[in-house]
Amino acid sequence: MELVAYLGKDKENWGQVIALINRFDCERVILIKDQNSDDFPINEKCVIVEIDPTMPLLKLKNEIKEKLSKELSNEFEVAISIASGTGKEHMALISALLSIPLGIKLAAYTKEGVAFLS
């Protein structure tokens, strides 16, 4: 399973994404981010997909869908993290993944480890 994580400008929530990247047993992590998130620490599993979050919602969704379609393997579902970002960015990401179409599992890092919320 691959992990798709949205990385917003809200650096106080980056710890949740970092914990998932470091502790989730997956082959690849696809980070959706804007150009203002360049100081986020990545590792060899990470693939970066840059977007412009100032676009209108439907255009943002289509851009994410187009870029993710090129990066995702042929799996039927992905784990996603929406711990970082805004509601608009989360709606665009979830809508893009469901339009590909893919199943999604919401993932979070908890005191007990990686947990799926769906």
Protein backbone atom coordinates (compact mmCIF):
# COMPACT_ATOMS: atom_id res chain seq x y z
CA MET A 1 0.00 0.00 0.00
CA GLU A 2 1.18 3.50 -0.78
CA LEU A 3 0.77 6.51 1.49
CA VAL A 4 -0.48 9.79 0.03
CA ALA A 5 -0.08 12.75 2.35
CA TYR A 6 -1.06 16.36 1.92
CA LEU A 7 1.54 18.77 3.22
CA GLY A 8 0.16 22.24 3.91
CA LYS A 9 1.70 25.44 5.21
CA ASP A 10 0.70 24.51 8.79
CA LYS A 11 4.12 23.38 10.06
CA GLU A 12 2.70 22.57 13.51
CA ASN A 13 0.99 19.53 11.92
CA TRP A 14 4.02 18.28 10.00
CA GLY A 15 5.03 16.06 12.94
CA GLN A 16 2.04 13.80 12.27
CA VAL A 17 3.07 13.39 8.61
CA ILE A 18 6.73 12.83 9.55
CA ALA A 19 5.72 10.12 12.06
CA LEU A 20 3.63 8.35 9.40
CA ILE A 21 6.43 8.51 6.83
CA ASN A 22 8.94 7.08 9.31
CA ARG A 23 6.71 4.40 10.84
CA PHE A 24 4.22 3.31 8.18
CA ASP A 25 5.35 0.15 6.42
CA CYS A 26 4.88 1.10 2.79
CA GLU A 27 6.90 1.11 -0.40
CA ARG A 28 6.31 4.73 -1.37
CA VAL A 29 5.04 7.97 0.07
CA ILE A 30 3.58 10.54 -2.30
CA LEU A 31 3.64 14.01 -0.78
CA ILE A 32 1.28 16.60 -2.25
CA LYS A 33 2.71 20.02 -1.43
CA ASP A 34 3.07 23.59 -2.58
CA GLN A 35 6.33 25.40 -3.22
CA ASN A 36 6.28 26.92 0.29
CA SER A 37 6.89 23.55 1.96
CA ASP A 38 10.46 23.07 0.75
CA ASP A 39 11.99 22.62 4.20
CA PHE A 40 10.00 19.45 4.95
CA PRO A 41 12.35 16.51 5.66
CA ILE A 42 11.92 13.65 3.16
CA ASN A 43 13.53 10.24 2.76
CA GLU A 44 14.17 7.85 -0.11
CA LYS A 45 10.56 6.58 -0.09
CA CYS A 46 9.13 10.04 -0.81
CA VAL A 47 7.94 11.29 -4.17
CA ILE A 48 7.03 14.98 -4.34
CA VAL A 49 4.02 16.25 -6.30
CA GLU A 50 3.87 20.05 -6.36
CA ILE A 51 0.57 21.84 -6.75
CA ASP A 52 -0.74 25.40 -6.56
CA PRO A 53 -3.29 25.46 -3.71
CA THR A 54 -4.49 28.95 -4.70
CA MET A 55 -6.34 27.50 -7.72
CA PRO A 56 -10.12 27.13 -7.54
CA LEU A 57 -11.26 23.85 -5.98
CA LEU A 58 -12.22 22.00 -9.18
CA LYS A 59 -9.02 22.99 -10.96
CA LEU A 60 -7.00 21.93 -7.92
CA LYS A 61 -8.78 18.57 -7.84
CA ASN A 62 -8.08 18.00 -11.55
CA GLU A 63 -4.42 18.94 -11.18
CA ILE A 64 -3.98 16.56 -8.25
CA LYS A 65 -5.80 13.78 -10.12
CA GLU A 66 -3.65 14.23 -13.23
CA LYS A 67 -0.38 14.29 -11.29
CA LEU A 68 -1.29 11.42 -8.95
CA SER A 69 -2.42 9.22 -11.84
CA LYS A 70 1.15 9.32 -13.14
CA GLU A 71 2.72 8.51 -9.76
CA LEU A 72 0.49 5.82 -8.26
CA SER A 73 1.08 2.13 -8.82
CA ASN A 74 -1.74 -0.18 -9.89
CA GLU A 75 -3.12 -0.75 -6.41
CA PHE A 76 -6.82 -0.50 -5.61
CA GLU A 77 -6.49 1.59 -2.46
CA VAL A 78 -4.10 3.97 -0.77
CA ALA A 79 -3.60 5.23 2.75
CA ILE A 80 -3.98 8.99 3.07
CA SER A 81 -3.05 11.56 5.65
CA ILE A 82 -4.95 14.81 5.85
CA ALA A 83 -3.39 15.90 9.14
CA SER A 84 -1.89 18.90 7.37
CA GLY A 85 -3.57 21.34 5.00
CA THR A 86 -6.94 23.04 4.71
CA GLY A 87 -10.44 21.75 4.08
CA LYS A 88 -10.30 22.89 0.46
CA GLU A 89 -7.02 21.02 -0.08
CA HIS A 90 -8.39 17.90 1.63
CA MET A 91 -11.57 17.95 -0.50
CA ALA A 92 -9.50 18.27 -3.67
CA LEU A 93 -7.22 15.38 -2.66
CA ILE A 94 -10.01 13.02 -1.60
CA SER A 95 -12.09 13.84 -4.68
CA ALA A 96 -9.07 13.31 -6.95
CA LEU A 97 -8.30 9.90 -5.43
CA LEU A 98 -11.93 8.74 -5.65
CA SER A 99 -12.06 9.95 -9.28
CA ILE A 100 -9.02 7.88 -10.33
CA PRO A 101 -10.82 5.60 -8.89
CA LEU A 102 -9.11 4.36 -5.74
CA GLY A 103 -10.26 3.29 -2.33
CA ILE A 104 -8.86 5.29 0.55
CA LYS A 105 -7.93 4.51 4.14
CA LEU A 106 -7.40 7.45 6.45
CA ALA A 107 -4.14 6.92 8.33
CA ALA A 108 -2.87 8.58 11.49
CA TYR A 109 0.00 8.06 13.85
CA THR A 110 -1.16 7.46 17.44
CA LYS A 111 0.46 6.44 20.73
CA GLU A 112 -0.19 2.83 19.70
CA GLY A 113 1.39 3.29 16.26
CA VAL A 114 -0.13 3.67 12.81
CA ALA A 115 -3.93 3.48 12.90
CA PHE A 116 -6.50 3.41 10.13
CA LEU A 117 -9.58 5.52 10.75
CA SER A 118 -11.70 4.11 7.95
